[in-house]
C-alpha atoms as a PDB file:
ATOM      1  CA  LEU A   1       5.604  26.388  16.494  1.00  0.00           C
ATOM      2  CA  ILE A   2       5.162  23.185  14.502  1.00  0.00           C
ATOM      3  CA  GLY A   3       8.435  21.560  13.519  1.00  0.00           C
ATOM      4  CA  ALA A   4       8.267  18.517  11.280  1.00  0.00           C
ATOM      5  CA  ALA A   5      10.530  16.963   8.665  1.00  0.00           C
ATOM      6  CA  ARG A   6       9.065  13.688   7.416  1.00  0.00           C
ATOM      7  CA  PRO A   7       5.496  14.769   8.296  1.00  0.00           C
ATOM      8  CA  SER A   8       5.936  17.789   6.018  1.00  0.00           C
ATOM      9  CA  ILE A   9       6.905  15.438   3.196  1.00  0.00           C
ATOM     10  CA  ALA A  10       3.753  13.396   3.748  1.00  0.00           C
ATOM     11  CA  ASP A  11       1.668  16.570   3.911  1.00  0.00           C
ATOM     12  CA  PRO A  12       3.320  19.939   3.138  1.00  0.00           C
ATOM     13  CA  PHE A  13       0.149  21.708   4.304  1.00  0.00           C
ATOM     14  CA  LEU A  14       0.019  20.084   7.735  1.00  0.00           C
ATOM     15  CA  PRO A  15       0.399  23.364   9.725  1.00  0.00           C
ATOM     16  CA  ASN A  16      -2.310  25.113   7.703  1.00  0.00           C
ATOM     17  CA  LYS A  17      -4.723  22.216   8.135  1.00  0.00           C
ATOM     18  CA  ILE A  18      -4.223  22.224  11.896  1.00  0.00           C
ATOM     19  CA  ASN A  19      -4.699  25.989  12.017  1.00  0.00           C
ATOM     20  CA  GLU A  20      -7.882  25.741   9.937  1.00  0.00           C
ATOM     21  CA  GLY A  21      -9.336  22.809  11.882  1.00  0.00           C
ATOM     22  CA  ARG A  22      -9.009  20.368   8.982  1.00  0.00           C
ATOM     23  CA  GLU A  23      -7.264  17.600  10.905  1.00  0.00           C
ATOM     24  CA  ASP A  24      -9.212  14.882   9.071  1.00  0.00           C
ATOM     25  CA  GLU A  25      -7.568  15.994   5.817  1.00  0.00           C
ATOM     26  CA  ILE A  26      -4.004  15.528   7.080  1.00  0.00           C
ATOM     27  CA  ARG A  27      -1.972  12.784   5.419  1.00  0.00           C
ATOM     28  CA  GLU A  28      -0.101  11.637   8.510  1.00  0.00           C
ATOM     29  CA  CYS A  29       3.433  10.315   8.146  1.00  0.00           C
ATOM     30  CA  ILE A  30       3.597   6.582   8.890  1.00  0.00           C
ATOM     31  CA  GLY A  31       7.328   6.551   9.658  1.00  0.00           C
ATOM     32  CA  CYS A  32       8.214   4.056   6.912  1.00  0.00           C
ATOM     33  CA  ASN A  33      11.326   6.083   5.933  1.00  0.00           C
ATOM     34  CA  ILE A  34      10.897   5.396   2.221  1.00  0.00           C
ATOM     35  CA  CYS A  35      11.501   9.126   1.710  1.00  0.00           C
ATOM     36  CA  TRP A  36      15.194   8.863   2.527  1.00  0.00           C
ATOM     37  CA  ALA A  37      15.858   5.121   2.289  1.00  0.00           C
ATOM     38  CA  HIS A  38      17.120   5.343  -1.283  1.00  0.00           C
ATOM     39  CA  ASP A  39      19.311   8.412  -0.908  1.00  0.00           C
ATOM     40  CA  ASN A  40      22.481   6.350  -1.205  1.00  0.00           C
ATOM     41  CA  ARG A  41      21.191   4.963  -4.505  1.00  0.00           C
ATOM     42  CA  ASN A  42      20.532   8.426  -5.946  1.00  0.00           C
ATOM     43  CA  ALA A  43      16.905   7.418  -6.455  1.00  0.00           C
ATOM     44  CA  PRO A  44      14.196  10.110  -6.577  1.00  0.00           C
ATOM     45  CA  ILE A  45      12.454  10.917  -3.312  1.00  0.00           C
ATOM     46  CA  ARG A  46       9.041   9.354  -2.804  1.00  0.00           C
ATOM     47  CA  CYS A  47       6.446   9.062  -0.077  1.00  0.00           C
ATOM     48  CA  THR A  48       3.948   6.333   0.761  1.00  0.00           C
ATOM     49  CA  GLN A  49       1.330   8.863   1.862  1.00  0.00           C
ATOM     50  CA  ASN A  50       1.978  11.595  -0.709  1.00  0.00           C
ATOM     51  CA  PRO A  51       2.229  10.287  -4.299  1.00  0.00           C
ATOM     52  CA  THR A  52       2.952  13.781  -5.626  1.00  0.00           C
ATOM     53  CA  MET A  53       6.234  14.035  -3.687  1.00  0.00           C
ATOM     54  CA  GLY A  54       9.125  14.381  -6.117  1.00  0.00           C
ATOM     55  CA  GLU A  55       6.784  14.796  -9.080  1.00  0.00           C
ATOM     56  CA  GLU A  56       5.930  18.479  -8.603  1.00  0.00           C
ATOM     57  CA  TRP A  57       8.531  19.682 -11.087  1.00  0.00           C
ATOM     58  CA  ARG A  58       8.406  16.738 -13.494  1.00  0.00           C
ATOM     59  CA  ARG A  59       4.668  16.267 -13.875  1.00  0.00           C
ATOM     60  CA  ASP A  60       3.392  19.512 -12.388  1.00  0.00           C
ATOM     61  CA  TRP A  61       1.560  17.556  -9.692  1.00  0.00           C
ATOM     62  CA  HIS A  62       0.292  19.422  -6.650  1.00  0.00           C
ATOM     63  CA  PRO A  63      -0.627  17.607  -3.408  1.00  0.00           C
ATOM     64  CA  GLU A  64      -3.784  19.691  -2.887  1.00  0.00           C
ATOM     65  CA  LYS A  65      -4.778  21.267  -6.201  1.00  0.00           C
ATOM     66  CA  ILE A  66      -6.406  18.827  -8.615  1.00  0.00           C
ATOM     67  CA  GLY A  67      -7.719  20.023 -11.951  1.00  0.00           C
ATOM     68  CA  PRO A  68     -11.334  19.482 -13.057  1.00  0.00           C
ATOM     69  CA  LYS A  69     -12.440  16.557 -15.196  1.00  0.00           C
ATOM     70  CA  LYS A  70     -12.030  16.794 -18.957  1.00  0.00           C
ATOM     71  CA  SER A  71     -15.013  14.647 -19.913  1.00  0.00           C
ATOM     72  CA  ASP A  72     -18.176  13.093 -18.532  1.00  0.00           C
ATOM     73  CA  ASP A  73     -16.744   9.577 -18.820  1.00  0.00           C
ATOM     74  CA  GLU A  74     -17.354   7.167 -15.955  1.00  0.00           C
ATOM     75  CA  ILE A  75     -14.442   5.158 -14.587  1.00  0.00           C
ATOM     76  CA  LEU A  76     -14.146   1.686 -13.069  1.00  0.00           C
ATOM     77  CA  ILE A  77     -11.326   0.943 -10.623  1.00  0.00           C
ATOM     78  CA  VAL A  78     -10.680  -2.721  -9.857  1.00  0.00           C
ATOM     79  CA  GLY A  79      -9.009  -3.178  -6.477  1.00  0.00           C
ATOM     80  CA  ALA A  80      -9.415  -1.028  -3.362  1.00  0.00           C
ATOM     81  CA  GLY A  81      -5.972  -1.241  -1.853  1.00  0.00           C
ATOM     82  CA  PRO A  82      -3.991   1.965  -1.252  1.00  0.00           C
ATOM     83  CA  ALA A  83      -3.445   2.591  -4.983  1.00  0.00           C
ATOM     84  CA  GLY A  84      -7.063   1.948  -5.930  1.00  0.00           C
ATOM     85  CA  MET A  85      -8.349   4.111  -3.092  1.00  0.00           C
ATOM     86  CA  GLU A  86      -5.938   6.916  -4.002  1.00  0.00           C
ATOM     87  CA  ALA A  87      -7.021   6.761  -7.641  1.00  0.00           C
ATOM     88  CA  ALA A  88     -10.680   6.878  -6.607  1.00  0.00           C
ATOM     89  CA  VAL A  89     -10.091   9.889  -4.355  1.00  0.00           C
ATOM     90  CA  SER A  90      -8.123  11.781  -7.010  1.00  0.00           C
ATOM     91  CA  LEU A  91     -10.600  11.056  -9.798  1.00  0.00           C
ATOM     92  CA  GLY A  92     -13.531  11.767  -7.500  1.00  0.00           C
ATOM     93  CA  LYS A  93     -12.116  15.160  -6.584  1.00  0.00           C
ATOM     94  CA  ARG A  94     -11.782  15.925 -10.276  1.00  0.00           C
ATOM     95  CA  GLY A  95     -15.502  15.334 -10.638  1.00  0.00           C
ATOM     96  CA  TYR A  96     -15.590  11.965 -12.378  1.00  0.00           C
ATOM     97  CA  HIS A  97     -18.160   9.341 -11.454  1.00  0.00           C
ATOM     98  CA  VAL A  98     -16.126   6.417 -10.143  1.00  0.00           C
ATOM     99  CA  TYR A  99     -16.987   2.794  -9.429  1.00  0.00           C
ATOM    100  CA  LEU A 100     -14.511   1.219  -6.993  1.00  0.00           C
ATOM    101  CA  ALA A 101     -14.757  -2.583  -6.865  1.00  0.00           C
ATOM    102  CA  GLU A 102     -13.019  -4.644  -4.167  1.00  0.00           C
ATOM    103  CA  ALA A 103     -12.989  -8.452  -4.126  1.00  0.00           C
ATOM    104  CA  THR A 104     -12.953  -8.707  -0.323  1.00  0.00           C
ATOM    105  CA  ARG A 105     -15.021  -7.166   2.449  1.00  0.00           C
ATOM    106  CA  GLU A 106     -12.144  -5.069   3.766  1.00  0.00           C
ATOM    107  CA  LEU A 107     -10.745  -2.055   1.929  1.00  0.00           C
ATOM    108  CA  GLY A 108      -7.078  -1.143   2.143  1.00  0.00           C
ATOM    109  CA  GLY A 109      -5.564  -4.245   0.590  1.00  0.00           C
ATOM    110  CA  ARG A 110      -2.211  -5.345   1.905  1.00  0.00           C
ATOM    111  CA  VAL A 111      -1.703  -2.308   4.135  1.00  0.00           C
ATOM    112  CA  SER A 112      -4.771  -3.162   6.229  1.00  0.00           C
ATOM    113  CA  LYS A 113      -3.220  -6.539   7.025  1.00  0.00           C
ATOM    114  CA  GLU A 114       0.370  -5.329   7.227  1.00  0.00           C
ATOM    115  CA  SER A 115      -0.553  -2.723   9.829  1.00  0.00           C
ATOM    116  CA  LYS A 116      -1.471  -5.586  12.179  1.00  0.00           C
ATOM    117  CA  LEU A 117       2.124  -6.850  12.205  1.00  0.00           C
ATOM    118  CA  PRO A 118       4.406  -5.909  15.129  1.00  0.00           C
ATOM    119  CA  THR A 119       5.475  -2.205  15.174  1.00  0.00           C
ATOM    120  CA  LEU A 120       3.506  -1.327  12.012  1.00  0.00           C
ATOM    121  CA  SER A 121       0.215  -0.070  13.476  1.00  0.00           C
ATOM    122  CA  GLU A 122       0.855   3.462  12.149  1.00  0.00           C
ATOM    123  CA  TRP A 123       0.703   2.095   8.620  1.00  0.00           C
ATOM    124  CA  ASN A 124      -3.065   1.906   8.928  1.00  0.00           C
ATOM    125  CA  ARG A 125      -3.018   5.682   8.418  1.00  0.00           C
ATOM    126  CA  VAL A 126      -2.572   4.945   4.701  1.00  0.00           C
ATOM    127  CA  TYR A 127      -6.005   3.333   4.703  1.00  0.00           C
ATOM    128  CA  GLU A 128      -7.647   5.683   7.209  1.00  0.00           C
ATOM    129  CA  TYR A 129      -6.823   8.884   5.319  1.00  0.00           C
ATOM    130  CA  ARG A 130      -8.141   7.575   2.013  1.00  0.00           C
ATOM    131  CA  PHE A 131     -11.253   6.047   3.558  1.00  0.00           C
ATOM    132  CA  ILE A 132     -12.145   9.367   5.198  1.00  0.00           C
ATOM    133  CA  GLN A 133     -11.749  11.173   1.869  1.00  0.00           C
ATOM    134  CA  LEU A 134     -13.849   8.568   0.029  1.00  0.00           C
ATOM    135  CA  GLU A 135     -16.651   9.039   2.554  1.00  0.00           C
ATOM    136  CA  LYS A 136     -16.892  12.687   1.467  1.00  0.00           C
ATOM    137  CA  LEU A 137     -17.303  11.924  -2.244  1.00  0.00           C
ATOM    138  CA  ASP A 138     -20.866  11.215  -3.366  1.00  0.00           C
ATOM    139  CA  ASN A 139     -19.658  10.548  -6.915  1.00  0.00           C
ATOM    140  CA  VAL A 140     -17.571   7.520  -5.862  1.00  0.00           C
ATOM    141  CA  GLU A 141     -19.477   4.251  -5.462  1.00  0.00           C
ATOM    142  CA  VAL A 142     -17.700   1.524  -3.473  1.00  0.00           C
ATOM    143  CA  TYR A 143     -18.582  -2.135  -4.052  1.00  0.00           C
ATOM    144  CA  ARG A 144     -17.174  -4.612  -1.533  1.00  0.00           C
ATOM    145  CA  GLU A 145     -16.997  -8.372  -2.055  1.00  0.00           C
ATOM    146  CA  SER A 146     -17.153  -7.765  -5.796  1.00  0.00           C
ATOM    147  CA  LYS A 147     -14.812 -10.099  -7.660  1.00  0.00           C
ATOM    148  CA  THR A 148     -14.790  -8.294 -10.974  1.00  0.00           C
ATOM    149  CA  THR A 149     -14.255 -10.536 -13.996  1.00  0.00           C
ATOM    150  CA  VAL A 150     -13.503  -9.665 -17.596  1.00  0.00           C
ATOM    151  CA  ASP A 151     -17.139 -10.366 -18.459  1.00  0.00           C
ATOM    152  CA  ASP A 152     -18.257  -7.980 -15.707  1.00  0.00           C
ATOM    153  CA  ILE A 153     -16.023  -5.241 -17.088  1.00  0.00           C
ATOM    154  CA  LEU A 154     -17.235  -5.747 -20.643  1.00  0.00           C
ATOM    155  CA  GLU A 155     -20.845  -5.781 -19.485  1.00  0.00           C
ATOM    156  CA  MET A 156     -20.415  -2.415 -17.746  1.00  0.00           C
ATOM    157  CA  GLY A 157     -19.058  -0.960 -20.986  1.00  0.00           C
ATOM    158  CA  LEU A 158     -17.191   1.899 -19.332  1.00  0.00           C
ATOM    159  CA  PRO A 159     -14.599   3.758 -21.433  1.00  0.00           C
ATOM    160  CA  HIS A 160     -11.910   3.690 -18.729  1.00  0.00           C
ATOM    161  CA  VAL A 161     -10.809   0.860 -16.427  1.00  0.00           C
ATOM    162  CA  VAL A 162      -8.041   1.137 -13.834  1.00  0.00           C
ATOM    163  CA  PHE A 163      -6.485  -2.079 -12.529  1.00  0.00           C
ATOM    164  CA  ALA A 164      -5.098  -1.779  -8.998  1.00  0.00           C
ATOM    165  CA  THR A 165      -5.188  -5.418  -7.962  1.00  0.00           C
ATOM    166  CA  GLY A 166      -1.756  -5.550  -6.348  1.00  0.00           C
ATOM    167  CA  ALA A 167       0.716  -8.416  -6.315  1.00  0.00           C
ATOM    168  CA  SER A 168       1.700 -11.372  -4.161  1.00  0.00           C
ATOM    169  CA  TRP A 169       4.942 -12.957  -3.011  1.00  0.00           C
ATOM    170  CA  ARG A 170       6.362 -15.933  -4.896  1.00  0.00           C
ATOM    171  CA  LYS A 171       7.145 -19.213  -3.146  1.00  0.00           C
ATOM    172  CA  ASP A 172      10.080 -20.375  -5.255  1.00  0.00           C
ATOM    173  CA  GLY A 173      12.809 -18.122  -3.837  1.00  0.00           C
ATOM    174  CA  PHE A 174      12.857 -15.653  -6.731  1.00  0.00           C
ATOM    175  CA  GLY A 175      13.653 -12.243  -5.286  1.00  0.00           C
ATOM    176  CA  LEU A 176      15.928  -9.231  -5.109  1.00  0.00           C
ATOM    177  CA  LEU A 177      19.222 -11.109  -5.424  1.00  0.00           C
ATOM    178  CA  ASN A 178      17.996 -14.492  -6.602  1.00  0.00           C
ATOM    179  CA  THR A 179      16.853 -14.045 -10.183  1.00  0.00           C
ATOM    180  CA  GLN A 180      16.134 -17.740 -10.654  1.00  0.00           C
ATOM    181  CA  PRO A 181      13.850 -20.026  -8.641  1.00  0.00           C
ATOM    182  CA  ILE A 182      15.877 -21.797  -5.953  1.00  0.00           C
ATOM    183  CA  LEU A 183      13.296 -23.822  -4.032  1.00  0.00           C
ATOM    184  CA  PRO A 184      11.522 -26.046  -6.579  1.00  0.00           C
ATOM    185  CA  GLN A 185      12.366 -29.207  -4.654  1.00  0.00           C
ATOM    186  CA  ILE A 186      10.623 -28.134  -1.437  1.00  0.00           C
ATOM    187  CA  SER A 187       6.927 -28.846  -1.050  1.00  0.00           C
ATOM    188  CA  ASN A 188       4.864 -25.658  -1.150  1.00  0.00           C
ATOM    189  CA  ASN A 189       3.046 -26.567   2.045  1.00  0.00           C
ATOM    190  CA  ARG A 190       6.328 -26.055   3.911  1.00  0.00           C
ATOM    191  CA  ILE A 191       6.969 -22.622   2.393  1.00  0.00           C
ATOM    192  CA  PHE A 192       5.280 -19.517   3.733  1.00  0.00           C
ATOM    193  CA  THR A 193       5.282 -15.981   2.361  1.00  0.00           C
ATOM    194  CA  PRO A 194       4.404 -12.693   4.076  1.00  0.00           C
ATOM    195  CA  ASP A 195       0.977 -13.053   2.428  1.00  0.00           C
ATOM    196  CA  ASP A 196       0.422 -16.291   4.339  1.00  0.00           C
ATOM    197  CA  ILE A 197       1.490 -14.780   7.653  1.00  0.00           C
ATOM    198  CA  MET A 198      -0.696 -11.699   7.173  1.00  0.00           C
ATOM    199  CA  ASN A 199      -3.637 -13.969   6.332  1.00  0.00           C
ATOM    200  CA  GLY A 200      -3.169 -15.876   9.586  1.00  0.00           C
ATOM    201  CA  HIS A 201      -1.449 -19.005   8.228  1.00  0.00           C
ATOM    202  CA  TYR A 202       1.559 -19.783  10.427  1.00  0.00           C
ATOM    203  CA  PRO A 203       4.191 -22.510  10.594  1.00  0.00           C
ATOM    204  CA  THR A 204       4.611 -24.436  13.813  1.00  0.00           C
ATOM    205  CA  GLY A 205       7.751 -25.329  15.710  1.00  0.00           C
ATOM    206  CA  ARG A 206      10.995 -24.184  14.164  1.00  0.00           C
ATOM    207  CA  ALA A 207      10.900 -21.741  11.240  1.00  0.00           C
ATOM    208  CA  LEU A 208      13.620 -20.385   8.955  1.00  0.00           C
ATOM    209  CA  ILE A 209      13.200 -16.861   7.601  1.00  0.00           C
ATOM    210  CA  PHE A 210      15.166 -16.132   4.425  1.00  0.00           C
ATOM    211  CA  ASP A 211      15.540 -12.353   4.145  1.00  0.00           C
ATOM    212  CA  ASP A 212      16.295 -11.458   0.545  1.00  0.00           C
ATOM    213  CA  ASP A 213      15.190  -7.822   0.395  1.00  0.00           C
ATOM    214  CA  HIS A 214      17.070  -6.434   3.442  1.00  0.00           C
ATOM    215  CA  TYR A 215      14.206  -4.169   4.420  1.00  0.00           C
ATOM    216  CA  TYR A 216      11.663  -4.279   7.231  1.00  0.00           C
ATOM    217  CA  MET A 217       9.536  -7.288   6.293  1.00  0.00           C
ATOM    218  CA  GLY A 218      11.856 -10.074   7.398  1.00  0.00           C
ATOM    219  CA  SER A 219      12.282  -8.698  10.903  1.00  0.00           C
ATOM    220  CA  VAL A 220       8.596  -7.982  11.548  1.00  0.00           C
ATOM    221  CA  ILE A 221       7.650 -11.448  10.287  1.00  0.00           C
ATOM    222  CA  ALA A 222      10.243 -12.864  12.695  1.00  0.00           C
ATOM    223  CA  GLU A 223       8.642 -10.960  15.572  1.00  0.00           C
ATOM    224  CA  LYS A 224       5.192 -12.172  14.547  1.00  0.00           C
ATOM    225  CA  LEU A 225       6.280 -15.808  14.431  1.00  0.00           C
ATOM    226  CA  ILE A 226       7.952 -15.519  17.824  1.00  0.00           C
ATOM    227  CA  GLU A 227       4.643 -14.189  19.163  1.00  0.00           C
ATOM    228  CA  GLN A 228       3.020 -17.315  17.713  1.00  0.00           C
ATOM    229  CA  GLY A 229       5.439 -19.543  19.614  1.00  0.00           C
ATOM    230  CA  CYS A 230       7.831 -20.431  16.801  1.00  0.00           C
ATOM    231  CA  GLN A 231      11.572 -20.862  17.217  1.00  0.00           C
ATOM    232  CA  VAL A 232      12.962 -18.606  14.493  1.00  0.00           C
ATOM    233  CA  ASP A 233      16.241 -18.811  12.583  1.00  0.00           C
ATOM    234  CA  PHE A 234      16.969 -15.692  10.515  1.00  0.00           C
ATOM    235  CA  VAL A 235      19.145 -15.899   7.376  1.00  0.00           C
ATOM    236  CA  SER A 236      20.038 -12.843   5.301  1.00  0.00           C
ATOM    237  CA  THR A 237      22.010 -12.362   2.098  1.00  0.00           C
ATOM    238  CA  PHE A 238      23.405  -9.153   3.597  1.00  0.00           C
ATOM    239  CA  SER A 239      26.117  -8.593   6.197  1.00  0.00           C
ATOM    240  CA  ASN A 240      23.791  -6.830   8.632  1.00  0.00           C
ATOM    241  CA  VAL A 241      20.126  -6.781   9.530  1.00  0.00           C
END
């Protein structure tokens, strides 16, 4: 008997894959709880590992069945974070020839760094699953340390380009509740974002964490800074943490 709730959202075919010896094809749940976190907002269900979740009826998406390609066009994907890797896997399985360009040496984007934060090691499954699938696709070419410019894209002359370059945190205090910059008077070298922490740039001494999104990031950054020897003050716009 296999009993699973969130894991069956991440991969509805988990029992069959175990029974058939296809463990390397399982999209393992990472425990992020995004699937139910927005229930009280009446937002559609979604899943970090399974992008088809909640879209089966609306877009006729299936987590395992992907239709064949409709042309012989080649496709360039710029950015090999989770979204870029997922796009490459999906298009590769359709039969398209895909070029996946990543500016850094490491694939996985933010999730590869975020999974190194306290309590988030399981998040590396997002990268691991997609990397394993990419390794099986001969029609997907991966280019690391390839900072793709507009001139590069035009020179390739491909009919389709997918941008999956991600985003970064702002340093001016603009966020979920603050819709205007609130920190213009503070020197930027005193302000750190989660990007800085994940890239190994830490404050020293006493640090104030301003938690504006009321999710997991503020608390795991606090734990990381404590590990680095900082004295941490935690401020939130919400009544609980």
